[in-house]
Amino acid sequence: MIPPRSSRRSFVLGALGAATLGTSTRLLAQTWPERPITFICPWPAGGTADQSMRALCTVASRILGQAIAVENRAGASGMIGSKALASAKPDGYTIGQIPISVTRFSQLGTLQADPRKDYTYIARTSGQTFGIAVPANSRFKTLQDFVAAAKAKPGSITYAHAGVGGATHVGMEEFAAAAGIQLSHIPYKGGAEALQGVLGGHVDALADSSSWAPHVEAGKLRLLATWGEQRTPRFKDVPTLKDLGYNVVVDAPNGIGAPKGLPPAVEAKLRDAFRQAVASPEFKSVADRLDAPLLYLDGPDYAKYVNTVYQKETVLIDKLKLRELMR
């Protein structure tokens, strides 16, 4: 049976449209990138995550042959930048860091995006070394001193962190729950500002990734404990929370992604560029300085990891009553 003329016409137009789309996608892959790429960092300039991402972008820009401009869009514990990334045009010219806390904030309603379906995952890059630090003149010489004082006067000890619901806040609350203590949290817009709050004597303690490291080495801060599975090589004498009997481990890996819908060929180029960047001597040097262990995963495995963490966060939100803490 011969199809009606209108049906044949629709079929031909549809085939031409598909062919045109396929051709344009191939051309984009061949010519991309033709102009500088914007990299959204959801944290303030100067923090450990910002330093890490800038080092990666410097190497990746050489590999791709185009500049990568880092744009800091801080606020809401990293979710302002995360939302901007999810909402960007998926053409490869806007990429950015995806904090693993998107798996938490999306369930708490702070992030209007679903990390399971609204991002293209490029690479998980490195972890972070978190710890609890106090001024050198603090009365807390050990974590045991800190816990004892908190038990004696619940809620009297303050700590600075990088934002409500973020890794440093939730990690500290996990520790507090394990230790049976109550602390008062003081949120800042990022780790760099939280550090200044402690150095300035406005807060009793700092919960952060390794922004404290140079100040510990300079004798301005005292490191009471780190939060990793193992002790950090640079501070081998400092116990982990697990060493001290608290079953709490936090590493909050950094990762890089793009909006959902990225052309596959562009995605492949980005994955290859950042795979090389993570393995580069330049980035390893920065990672060592920041006490950031390399935790590389390629895009597809990174996406699976995010889905696994999302499920764990569902349990953690209820366990720590995070919805109440966010009010």
C-alpha atoms as a PDB file:
ATOM      1  CA  MET A   1       0.000   0.000   0.000  1.00  0.00           C
ATOM      2  CA  ILE A   2       1.364   3.411  -0.953  1.00  0.00           C
ATOM      3  CA  PRO A   3       1.310   5.832   1.998  1.00  0.00           C
ATOM      4  CA  PRO A   4      -0.701   9.038   1.545  1.00  0.00           C
ATOM      5  CA  ARG A   5       1.264  12.013   0.232  1.00  0.00           C
ATOM      6  CA  SER A   6       1.078  13.844   3.604  1.00  0.00           C
ATOM      7  CA  SER A   7       2.466  10.815   5.460  1.00  0.00           C
ATOM      8  CA  ARG A   8       5.334  10.457   2.979  1.00  0.00           C
ATOM      9  CA  ARG A   9       6.068  14.169   3.339  1.00  0.00           C
ATOM     10  CA  SER A  10       6.123  13.940   7.149  1.00  0.00           C
ATOM     11  CA  PHE A  11       8.406  10.923   6.995  1.00  0.00           C
ATOM     12  CA  VAL A  12      10.847  12.678   4.655  1.00  0.00           C
ATOM     13  CA  LEU A  13      10.864  15.851   6.766  1.00  0.00           C
ATOM     14  CA  GLY A  14      11.403  13.813   9.927  1.00  0.00           C
ATOM     15  CA  ALA A  15      14.295  11.932   8.355  1.00  0.00           C
ATOM     16  CA  LEU A  16      15.836  15.170   7.126  1.00  0.00           C
ATOM     17  CA  GLY A  17      15.456  16.705  10.581  1.00  0.00           C
ATOM     18  CA  ALA A  18      17.159  13.747  12.233  1.00  0.00           C
ATOM     19  CA  ALA A  19      19.947  13.832   9.697  1.00  0.00           C
ATOM     20  CA  THR A  20      20.416  17.570  10.205  1.00  0.00           C
ATOM     21  CA  LEU A  21      20.508  17.134  13.981  1.00  0.00           C
ATOM     22  CA  GLY A  22      23.030  14.341  13.678  1.00  0.00           C
ATOM     23  CA  THR A  23      25.201  16.422  11.376  1.00  0.00           C
ATOM     24  CA  SER A  24      25.085  19.479  13.641  1.00  0.00           C
ATOM     25  CA  THR A  25      25.986  17.334  16.671  1.00  0.00           C
ATOM     26  CA  ARG A  26      28.974  15.873  14.826  1.00  0.00           C
ATOM     27  CA  LEU A  27      30.077  19.326  13.711  1.00  0.00           C
ATOM     28  CA  LEU A  28      29.784  20.625  17.284  1.00  0.00           C
ATOM     29  CA  ALA A  29      31.950  17.784  18.522  1.00  0.00           C
ATOM     30  CA  GLN A  30      34.573  18.498  15.858  1.00  0.00           C
ATOM     31  CA  THR A  31      34.750  22.246  16.503  1.00  0.00           C
ATOM     32  CA  TRP A  32      34.110  22.371  20.272  1.00  0.00           C
ATOM     33  CA  PRO A  33      35.449  24.282  22.105  1.00  0.00           C
ATOM     34  CA  GLU A  34      35.509  27.351  19.883  1.00  0.00           C
ATOM     35  CA  ARG A  35      35.422  29.876  22.751  1.00  0.00           C
ATOM     36  CA  PRO A  36      36.296  30.052  26.454  1.00  0.00           C
ATOM     37  CA  ILE A  37      34.471  27.770  28.891  1.00  0.00           C
ATOM     38  CA  THR A  38      32.876  29.002  32.121  1.00  0.00           C
ATOM     39  CA  PHE A  39      33.498  26.915  35.218  1.00  0.00           C
ATOM     40  CA  ILE A  40      31.079  27.538  38.094  1.00  0.00           C
ATOM     41  CA  CYS A  41      32.696  27.096  41.500  1.00  0.00           C
ATOM     42  CA  PRO A  42      29.952  27.155  44.169  1.00  0.00           C
ATOM     43  CA  TRP A  43      32.342  28.344  46.891  1.00  0.00           C
ATOM     44  CA  PRO A  44      34.114  31.650  47.607  1.00  0.00           C
ATOM     45  CA  ALA A  45      37.516  32.328  46.092  1.00  0.00           C
ATOM     46  CA  GLY A  46      40.455  31.246  48.210  1.00  0.00           C
ATOM     47  CA  GLY A  47      38.956  28.186  49.888  1.00  0.00           C
ATOM     48  CA  THR A  48      40.339  24.682  49.461  1.00  0.00           C
ATOM     49  CA  ALA A  49      37.674  23.617  46.935  1.00  0.00           C
ATOM     50  CA  ASP A  50      38.292  26.763  44.895  1.00  0.00           C
ATOM     51  CA  GLN A  51      42.050  26.175  44.859  1.00  0.00           C
ATOM     52  CA  SER A  52      41.564  22.561  43.820  1.00  0.00           C
ATOM     53  CA  MET A  53      39.170  23.402  40.990  1.00  0.00           C
ATOM     54  CA  ARG A  54      41.351  26.218  39.664  1.00  0.00           C
ATOM     55  CA  ALA A  55      44.343  23.885  39.481  1.00  0.00           C
ATOM     56  CA  LEU A  56      42.315  21.334  37.497  1.00  0.00           C
ATOM     57  CA  CYS A  57      40.929  23.994  35.158  1.00  0.00           C
ATOM     58  CA  THR A  58      44.416  25.320  34.420  1.00  0.00           C
ATOM     59  CA  VAL A  59      45.558  21.905  33.211  1.00  0.00           C
ATOM     60  CA  ALA A  60      42.314  21.040  31.402  1.00  0.00           C
ATOM     61  CA  SER A  61      42.363  24.355  29.524  1.00  0.00           C
ATOM     62  CA  ARG A  62      45.746  23.469  28.016  1.00  0.00           C
ATOM     63  CA  ILE A  63      44.430  20.069  26.930  1.00  0.00           C
ATOM     64  CA  LEU A  64      41.273  21.534  25.368  1.00  0.00           C
ATOM     65  CA  GLY A  65      43.038  24.513  23.822  1.00  0.00           C
ATOM     66  CA  GLN A  66      40.661  27.077  25.328  1.00  0.00           C
ATOM     67  CA  ALA A  67      40.618  29.163  28.480  1.00  0.00           C
ATOM     68  CA  ILE A  68      38.442  27.976  31.354  1.00  0.00           C
ATOM     69  CA  ALA A  69      37.241  30.940  33.396  1.00  0.00           C
ATOM     70  CA  VAL A  70      36.385  30.105  37.011  1.00  0.00           C
ATOM     71  CA  GLU A  71      33.316  31.970  38.228  1.00  0.00           C
ATOM     72  CA  ASN A  72      32.604  31.867  41.970  1.00  0.00           C
ATOM     73  CA  ARG A  73      28.881  31.689  42.734  1.00  0.00           C
ATOM     74  CA  ALA A  74      28.903  31.097  46.467  1.00  0.00           C
ATOM     75  CA  GLY A  75      26.063  30.906  48.928  1.00  0.00           C
ATOM     76  CA  ALA A  76      23.482  28.529  50.398  1.00  0.00           C
ATOM     77  CA  SER A  77      26.187  25.974  51.233  1.00  0.00           C
ATOM     78  CA  GLY A  78      27.188  25.636  47.586  1.00  0.00           C
ATOM     79  CA  MET A  79      23.654  25.281  46.233  1.00  0.00           C
ATOM     80  CA  ILE A  80      23.453  28.636  44.414  1.00  0.00           C
ATOM     81  CA  GLY A  81      26.237  27.572  42.079  1.00  0.00           C
ATOM     82  CA  SER A  82      24.881  24.027  41.852  1.00  0.00           C
ATOM     83  CA  LYS A  83      21.466  25.278  40.742  1.00  0.00           C
ATOM     84  CA  ALA A  84      23.060  27.638  38.207  1.00  0.00           C
ATOM     85  CA  LEU A  85      24.976  24.709  36.724  1.00  0.00           C
ATOM     86  CA  ALA A  86      21.883  22.494  36.460  1.00  0.00           C
ATOM     87  CA  SER A  87      19.993  25.343  34.740  1.00  0.00           C
ATOM     88  CA  ALA A  88      22.729  26.228  32.222  1.00  0.00           C
ATOM     89  CA  LYS A  89      22.608  25.457  28.518  1.00  0.00           C
ATOM     90  CA  PRO A  90      24.047  21.971  27.889  1.00  0.00           C
ATOM     91  CA  ASP A  91      26.456  22.981  25.145  1.00  0.00           C
ATOM     92  CA  GLY A  92      29.753  22.297  26.917  1.00  0.00           C
ATOM     93  CA  TYR A  93      30.500  25.964  27.564  1.00  0.00           C
ATOM     94  CA  THR A  94      29.278  25.874  31.173  1.00  0.00           C
ATOM     95  CA  ILE A  95      30.679  23.256  33.515  1.00  0.00           C
ATOM     96  CA  GLY A  96      31.381  23.315  37.222  1.00  0.00           C
ATOM     97  CA  GLN A  97      32.021  21.677  40.535  1.00  0.00           C
ATOM     98  CA  ILE A  98      29.223  19.539  41.941  1.00  0.00           C
ATOM     99  CA  PRO A  99      29.404  19.303  45.744  1.00  0.00           C
ATOM    100  CA  ILE A 100      28.395  15.843  46.938  1.00  0.00           C
ATOM    101  CA  SER A 101      26.010  17.628  49.318  1.00  0.00           C
ATOM    102  CA  VAL A 102      23.620  18.063  46.356  1.00  0.00           C
ATOM    103  CA  THR A 103      22.444  14.579  47.332  1.00  0.00           C
ATOM    104  CA  ARG A 104      21.363  15.990  50.704  1.00  0.00           C
ATOM    105  CA  PHE A 105      20.070  19.450  49.803  1.00  0.00           C
ATOM    106  CA  SER A 106      17.916  18.182  46.952  1.00  0.00           C
ATOM    107  CA  GLN A 107      16.062  16.021  49.494  1.00  0.00           C
ATOM    108  CA  LEU A 108      15.807  18.867  51.995  1.00  0.00           C
ATOM    109  CA  GLY A 109      14.274  21.185  49.390  1.00  0.00           C
ATOM    110  CA  THR A 110      17.161  23.677  49.360  1.00  0.00           C
ATOM    111  CA  LEU A 111      18.277  22.684  45.849  1.00  0.00           C
ATOM    112  CA  GLN A 112      15.612  22.718  43.161  1.00  0.00           C
ATOM    113  CA  ALA A 113      17.335  20.043  41.102  1.00  0.00           C
ATOM    114  CA  ASP A 114      17.612  16.279  41.207  1.00  0.00           C
ATOM    115  CA  PRO A 115      21.250  15.118  41.199  1.00  0.00           C
ATOM    116  CA  ARG A 116      20.176  11.734  39.849  1.00  0.00           C
ATOM    117  CA  LYS A 117      18.940  13.175  36.571  1.00  0.00           C
ATOM    118  CA  ASP A 118      19.791  16.889  36.203  1.00  0.00           C
ATOM    119  CA  TYR A 119      23.574  16.696  35.721  1.00  0.00           C
ATOM    120  CA  THR A 120      26.072  15.126  33.368  1.00  0.00           C
ATOM    121  CA  TYR A 121      28.898  13.740  35.497  1.00  0.00           C
ATOM    122  CA  ILE A 122      32.399  14.307  34.121  1.00  0.00           C
ATOM    123  CA  ALA A 123      34.813  13.197  36.861  1.00  0.00           C
ATOM    124  CA  ARG A 124      35.090  12.675  40.585  1.00  0.00           C
ATOM    125  CA  THR A 125      38.434  14.233  41.386  1.00  0.00           C
ATOM    126  CA  SER A 126      39.675  14.269  44.972  1.00  0.00           C
ATOM    127  CA  GLY A 127      38.542  14.043  48.551  1.00  0.00           C
ATOM    128  CA  GLN A 128      39.073  16.427  51.403  1.00  0.00           C
ATOM    129  CA  THR A 129      40.736  16.152  54.780  1.00  0.00           C
ATOM    130  CA  PHE A 130      38.328  17.510  57.353  1.00  0.00           C
ATOM    131  CA  GLY A 131      39.233  18.252  60.934  1.00  0.00           C
ATOM    132  CA  ILE A 132      38.422  20.076  64.147  1.00  0.00           C
ATOM    133  CA  ALA A 133      40.846  22.881  64.991  1.00  0.00           C
ATOM    134  CA  VAL A 134      40.987  25.393  67.842  1.00  0.00           C
ATOM    135  CA  PRO A 135      43.151  28.465  68.508  1.00  0.00           C
ATOM    136  CA  ALA A 136      46.603  27.656  69.884  1.00  0.00           C
ATOM    137  CA  ASN A 137      45.712  29.359  73.172  1.00  0.00           C
ATOM    138  CA  SER A 138      42.467  27.390  73.564  1.00  0.00           C
ATOM    139  CA  ARG A 139      41.797  25.568  76.796  1.00  0.00           C
ATOM    140  CA  PHE A 140      41.074  22.467  74.695  1.00  0.00           C
ATOM    141  CA  LYS A 141      44.353  20.584  74.393  1.00  0.00           C
ATOM    142  CA  THR A 142      42.746  17.372  73.137  1.00  0.00           C
ATOM    143  CA  LEU A 143      39.419  16.277  71.692  1.00  0.00           C
ATOM    144  CA  GLN A 144      38.722  14.633  75.031  1.00  0.00           C
ATOM    145  CA  ASP A 145      38.963  18.090  76.677  1.00  0.00           C
ATOM    146  CA  PHE A 146      36.572  19.450  74.051  1.00  0.00           C
ATOM    147  CA  VAL A 147      34.014  16.678  74.642  1.00  0.00           C
ATOM    148  CA  ALA A 148      34.265  16.959  78.442  1.00  0.00           C
ATOM    149  CA  ALA A 149      33.612  20.710  78.332  1.00  0.00           C
ATOM    150  CA  ALA A 150      30.663  20.238  75.967  1.00  0.00           C
ATOM    151  CA  LYS A 151      29.145  17.650  78.282  1.00  0.00           C
ATOM    152  CA  ALA A 152      29.610  19.926  81.287  1.00  0.00           C
ATOM    153  CA  LYS A 153      27.808  22.860  79.616  1.00  0.00           C
ATOM    154  CA  PRO A 154      25.638  21.662  76.691  1.00  0.00           C
ATOM    155  CA  GLY A 155      25.401  24.202  73.890  1.00  0.00           C
ATOM    156  CA  SER A 156      28.050  26.517  75.312  1.00  0.00           C
ATOM    157  CA  ILE A 157      30.818  25.631  72.836  1.00  0.00           C
ATOM    158  CA  THR A 158      30.609  27.197  69.379  1.00  0.00           C
ATOM    159  CA  TYR A 159      32.072  25.998  66.116  1.00  0.00           C
ATOM    160  CA  ALA A 160      32.376  27.634  62.706  1.00  0.00           C
ATOM    161  CA  HIS A 161      31.482  25.796  59.506  1.00  0.00           C
ATOM    162  CA  ALA A 162      31.067  26.505  55.790  1.00  0.00           C
ATOM    163  CA  GLY A 163      27.268  26.539  55.656  1.00  0.00           C
ATOM    164  CA  VAL A 164      24.135  24.972  57.103  1.00  0.00           C
ATOM    165  CA  GLY A 165      23.644  21.419  55.884  1.00  0.00           C
ATOM    166  CA  GLY A 166      27.058  21.204  54.227  1.00  0.00           C
ATOM    167  CA  ALA A 167      29.698  18.558  54.885  1.00  0.00           C
ATOM    168  CA  THR A 168      31.391  20.455  57.717  1.00  0.00           C
ATOM    169  CA  HIS A 169      28.111  21.165  59.492  1.00  0.00           C
ATOM    170  CA  VAL A 170      26.654  17.674  59.078  1.00  0.00           C
ATOM    171  CA  GLY A 171      29.980  15.995  59.844  1.00  0.00           C
ATOM    172  CA  MET A 172      30.300  17.933  63.092  1.00  0.00           C
ATOM    173  CA  GLU A 173      26.724  17.081  64.050  1.00  0.00           C
ATOM    174  CA  GLU A 174      27.422  13.408  63.300  1.00  0.00           C
ATOM    175  CA  PHE A 175      30.395  13.602  65.660  1.00  0.00           C
ATOM    176  CA  ALA A 176      28.343  15.423  68.319  1.00  0.00           C
ATOM    177  CA  ALA A 177      25.664  12.731  68.151  1.00  0.00           C
ATOM    178  CA  ALA A 178      28.272   9.981  68.445  1.00  0.00           C
ATOM    179  CA  ALA A 179      29.915  11.753  71.400  1.00  0.00           C
ATOM    180  CA  GLY A 180      26.624  12.538  73.115  1.00  0.00           C
ATOM    181  CA  ILE A 181      27.218  16.294  73.207  1.00  0.00           C
ATOM    182  CA  GLN A 182      25.394  19.422  72.102  1.00  0.00           C
ATOM    183  CA  LEU A 183      27.281  22.180  70.268  1.00  0.00           C
ATOM    184  CA  SER A 184      26.263  25.580  68.890  1.00  0.00           C
ATOM    185  CA  HIS A 185      27.029  25.955  65.190  1.00  0.00           C
ATOM    186  CA  ILE A 186      27.955  29.273  63.551  1.00  0.00           C
ATOM    187  CA  PRO A 187      27.481  29.178  59.759  1.00  0.00           C
ATOM    188  CA  TYR A 188      29.694  31.136  57.358  1.00  0.00           C
ATOM    189  CA  LYS A 189      29.578  31.491  53.562  1.00  0.00           C
ATOM    190  CA  GLY A 190      32.565  29.220  53.085  1.00  0.00           C
ATOM    191  CA  GLY A 191      35.603  27.666  54.704  1.00  0.00           C
ATOM    192  CA  ALA A 192      37.782  30.733  54.202  1.00  0.00           C
ATOM    193  CA  GLU A 193      35.364  32.943  56.170  1.00  0.00           C
ATOM    194  CA  ALA A 194      34.880  30.279  58.847  1.00  0.00           C
ATOM    195  CA  LEU A 195      38.646  30.113  59.299  1.00  0.00           C
ATOM    196  CA  GLN A 196      38.830  33.861  59.863  1.00  0.00           C
ATOM    197  CA  GLY A 197      36.087  33.613  62.467  1.00  0.00           C
ATOM    198  CA  VAL A 198      38.209  31.226  64.516  1.00  0.00           C
ATOM    199  CA  LEU A 199      41.505  33.049  63.950  1.00  0.00           C
ATOM    200  CA  GLY A 200      39.770  36.242  65.049  1.00  0.00           C
ATOM    201  CA  GLY A 201      38.652  34.640  68.288  1.00  0.00           C
ATOM    202  CA  HIS A 202      34.931  34.898  67.531  1.00  0.00           C
ATOM    203  CA  VAL A 203      34.272  31.141  67.650  1.00  0.00           C
ATOM    204  CA  ASP A 204      35.666  28.351  69.847  1.00  0.00           C
ATOM    205  CA  ALA A 205      36.445  25.812  67.125  1.00  0.00           C
ATOM    206  CA  LEU A 206      36.607  25.298  63.372  1.00  0.00           C
ATOM    207  CA  ALA A 207      35.110  22.385  61.456  1.00  0.00           C
ATOM    208  CA  ASP A 208      36.538  22.520  57.950  1.00  0.00           C
ATOM    209  CA  SER A 209      38.607  20.871  55.293  1.00  0.00           C
ATOM    210  CA  SER A 210      42.311  21.641  55.400  1.00  0.00           C
ATOM    211  CA  SER A 211      42.100  25.469  55.424  1.00  0.00           C
ATOM    212  CA  TRP A 212      43.494  25.056  58.947  1.00  0.00           C
ATOM    213  CA  ALA A 213      46.652  23.198  57.825  1.00  0.00           C
ATOM    214  CA  PRO A 214      49.094  26.122  57.311  1.00  0.00           C
ATOM    215  CA  HIS A 215      47.889  27.757  60.526  1.00  0.00           C
ATOM    216  CA  VAL A 216      48.418  24.521  62.463  1.00  0.00           C
ATOM    217  CA  GLU A 217      51.946  24.329  61.062  1.00  0.00           C
ATOM    218  CA  ALA A 218      52.507  27.994  61.954  1.00  0.00           C
ATOM    219  CA  GLY A 219      51.399  27.385  65.538  1.00  0.00           C
ATOM    220  CA  LYS A 220      48.285  29.571  65.338  1.00  0.00           C
ATOM    221  CA  LEU A 221      45.804  26.682  65.526  1.00  0.00           C
ATOM    222  CA  ARG A 222      45.754  23.279  67.224  1.00  0.00           C
ATOM    223  CA  LEU A 223      44.308  20.307  65.341  1.00  0.00           C
ATOM    224  CA  LEU A 224      42.292  18.076  67.667  1.00  0.00           C
ATOM    225  CA  ALA A 225      41.188  15.356  65.221  1.00  0.00           C
ATOM    226  CA  THR A 226      40.701  14.594  61.537  1.00  0.00           C
ATOM    227  CA  TRP A 227      37.673  12.863  60.007  1.00  0.00           C
ATOM    228  CA  GLY A 228      39.194  10.460  57.492  1.00  0.00           C
ATOM    229  CA  GLU A 229      39.422   6.693  57.443  1.00  0.00           C
ATOM    230  CA  GLN A 230      43.194   7.010  57.975  1.00  0.00           C
ATOM    231  CA  ARG A 231      45.395   9.636  59.583  1.00  0.00           C
ATOM    232  CA  THR A 232      46.537  12.327  57.197  1.00  0.00           C
ATOM    233  CA  PRO A 233      50.255  11.974  56.271  1.00  0.00           C
ATOM    234  CA  ARG A 234      51.113  15.598  57.106  1.00  0.00           C
ATOM    235  CA  PHE A 235      49.673  15.321  60.624  1.00  0.00           C
ATOM    236  CA  LYS A 236      50.447  11.742  61.589  1.00  0.00           C
ATOM    237  CA  ASP A 237      50.322  12.488  65.325  1.00  0.00           C
ATOM    238  CA  VAL A 238      46.748  13.764  65.147  1.00  0.00           C
ATOM    239  CA  PRO A 239      44.119  11.050  65.747  1.00  0.00           C
ATOM    240  CA  THR A 240      41.091  10.436  63.569  1.00  0.00           C
ATOM    241  CA  LEU A 241      37.616  10.424  65.074  1.00  0.00           C
ATOM    242  CA  LYS A 242      37.657   6.650  64.586  1.00  0.00           C
ATOM    243  CA  ASP A 243      40.936   6.408  66.523  1.00  0.00           C
ATOM    244  CA  LEU A 244      39.145   8.065  69.432  1.00  0.00           C
ATOM    245  CA  GLY A 245      36.178   5.724  69.323  1.00  0.00           C
ATOM    246  CA  TYR A 246      33.717   7.717  67.223  1.00  0.00           C
ATOM    247  CA  ASN A 247      32.518   5.839  64.134  1.00  0.00           C
ATOM    248  CA  VAL A 248      32.402   8.915  61.893  1.00  0.00           C
ATOM    249  CA  VAL A 249      34.209   9.251  58.538  1.00  0.00           C
ATOM    250  CA  VAL A 250      33.719  12.234  56.204  1.00  0.00           C
ATOM    251  CA  ASP A 251      35.644  12.856  52.974  1.00  0.00           C
ATOM    252  CA  ALA A 252      33.039  14.613  50.724  1.00  0.00           C
ATOM    253  CA  PRO A 253      34.742  14.095  47.340  1.00  0.00           C
ATOM    254  CA  ASN A 254      34.865  16.955  44.870  1.00  0.00           C
ATOM    255  CA  GLY A 255      33.561  16.351  41.383  1.00  0.00           C
ATOM    256  CA  ILE A 256      33.031  18.058  38.058  1.00  0.00           C
ATOM    257  CA  GLY A 257      29.929  18.015  35.919  1.00  0.00           C
ATOM    258  CA  ALA A 258      27.750  19.826  33.419  1.00  0.00           C
ATOM    259  CA  PRO A 259      24.022  20.252  32.796  1.00  0.00           C
ATOM    260  CA  LYS A 260      22.055  17.208  31.677  1.00  0.00           C
ATOM    261  CA  GLY A 261      21.820  16.803  27.914  1.00  0.00           C
ATOM    262  CA  LEU A 262      25.451  17.429  27.021  1.00  0.00           C
ATOM    263  CA  PRO A 263      26.281  16.144  23.508  1.00  0.00           C
ATOM    264  CA  PRO A 264      28.014  12.761  23.937  1.00  0.00           C
ATOM    265  CA  ALA A 265      31.081  13.741  21.923  1.00  0.00           C
ATOM    266  CA  VAL A 266      31.568  16.915  23.995  1.00  0.00           C
ATOM    267  CA  GLU A 267      31.094  14.895  27.175  1.00  0.00           C
ATOM    268  CA  ALA A 268      33.785  12.477  26.000  1.00  0.00           C
ATOM    269  CA  LYS A 269      36.230  15.338  25.383  1.00  0.00           C
ATOM    270  CA  LEU A 270      35.582  16.791  28.821  1.00  0.00           C
ATOM    271  CA  ARG A 271      35.955  13.429  30.523  1.00  0.00           C
ATOM    272  CA  ASP A 272      39.266  12.858  28.784  1.00  0.00           C
ATOM    273  CA  ALA A 273      40.557  16.360  29.593  1.00  0.00           C
ATOM    274  CA  PHE A 274      39.761  16.124  33.292  1.00  0.00           C
ATOM    275  CA  ARG A 275      41.017  12.552  33.530  1.00  0.00           C
ATOM    276  CA  GLN A 276      44.381  13.846  32.339  1.00  0.00           C
ATOM    277  CA  ALA A 277      44.134  16.891  34.612  1.00  0.00           C
ATOM    278  CA  VAL A 278      43.565  14.782  37.742  1.00  0.00           C
ATOM    279  CA  ALA A 279      46.578  12.624  36.840  1.00  0.00           C
ATOM    280  CA  SER A 280      48.836  15.628  36.138  1.00  0.00           C
ATOM    281  CA  PRO A 281      51.834  16.477  38.362  1.00  0.00           C
ATOM    282  CA  GLU A 282      50.497  20.034  38.696  1.00  0.00           C
ATOM    283  CA  PHE A 283      47.237  18.905  40.259  1.00  0.00           C
ATOM    284  CA  LYS A 284      48.872  16.252  42.426  1.00  0.00           C
ATOM    285  CA  SER A 285      51.118  18.964  43.859  1.00  0.00           C
ATOM    286  CA  VAL A 286      48.127  21.143  44.770  1.00  0.00           C
ATOM    287  CA  ALA A 287      46.200  18.154  46.122  1.00  0.00           C
ATOM    288  CA  ASP A 288      49.122  17.233  48.372  1.00  0.00           C
ATOM    289  CA  ARG A 289      49.350  20.798  49.654  1.00  0.00           C
ATOM    290  CA  LEU A 290      45.622  20.754  50.436  1.00  0.00           C
ATOM    291  CA  ASP A 291      45.780  17.258  51.965  1.00  0.00           C
ATOM    292  CA  ALA A 292      43.251  16.184  49.342  1.00  0.00           C
ATOM    293  CA  PRO A 293      43.522  12.452  48.526  1.00  0.00           C
ATOM    294  CA  LEU A 294      42.965  11.586  44.858  1.00  0.00           C
ATOM    295  CA  LEU A 295      39.633   9.779  44.471  1.00  0.00           C
ATOM    296  CA  TYR A 296      39.222   9.786  40.695  1.00  0.00           C
ATOM    297  CA  LEU A 297      36.199   8.195  39.052  1.00  0.00           C
ATOM    298  CA  ASP A 298      35.249   8.554  35.390  1.00  0.00           C
ATOM    299  CA  GLY A 299      31.846  10.045  34.595  1.00  0.00           C
ATOM    300  CA  PRO A 300      29.661   6.905  34.499  1.00  0.00           C
ATOM    301  CA  ASP A 301      31.156   5.516  37.720  1.00  0.00           C
ATOM    302  CA  TYR A 302      30.879   8.940  39.330  1.00  0.00           C
ATOM    303  CA  ALA A 303      27.152   9.002  38.463  1.00  0.00           C
ATOM    304  CA  LYS A 304      26.698   5.585  40.120  1.00  0.00           C
ATOM    305  CA  TYR A 305      28.539   6.860  43.196  1.00  0.00           C
ATOM    306  CA  VAL A 306      26.214   9.881  43.427  1.00  0.00           C
ATOM    307  CA  ASN A 307      23.171   7.609  43.301  1.00  0.00           C
ATOM    308  CA  THR A 308      24.599   5.472  46.108  1.00  0.00           C
ATOM    309  CA  VAL A 309      25.307   8.523  48.273  1.00  0.00           C
ATOM    310  CA  TYR A 310      21.795   9.842  47.585  1.00  0.00           C
ATOM    311  CA  GLN A 311      20.327   6.710  49.153  1.00  0.00           C
ATOM    312  CA  LYS A 312      22.632   6.979  52.186  1.00  0.00           C
ATOM    313  CA  GLU A 313      21.679  10.628  52.658  1.00  0.00           C
ATOM    314  CA  THR A 314      18.009   9.680  52.827  1.00  0.00           C
ATOM    315  CA  VAL A 315      18.825   7.654  55.948  1.00  0.00           C
ATOM    316  CA  LEU A 316      21.191  10.290  57.410  1.00  0.00           C
ATOM    317  CA  ILE A 317      18.628  13.090  57.066  1.00  0.00           C
ATOM    318  CA  ASP A 318      16.224  11.203  59.314  1.00  0.00           C
ATOM    319  CA  LYS A 319      18.913   9.975  61.720  1.00  0.00           C
ATOM    320  CA  LEU A 320      20.293  13.471  62.416  1.00  0.00           C
ATOM    321  CA  LYS A 321      16.896  15.203  62.122  1.00  0.00           C
ATOM    322  CA  LEU A 322      18.393  17.523  59.537  1.00  0.00           C
ATOM    323  CA  ARG A 323      15.052  18.999  58.543  1.00  0.00           C
ATOM    324  CA  GLU A 324      14.733  20.369  62.060  1.00  0.00           C
ATOM    325  CA  LEU A 325      18.321  21.698  61.990  1.00  0.00           C
ATOM    326  CA  MET A 326      17.604  23.533  58.728  1.00  0.00           C
ATOM    327  CA  ARG A 327      14.714  25.513  60.217  1.00  0.00           C
END
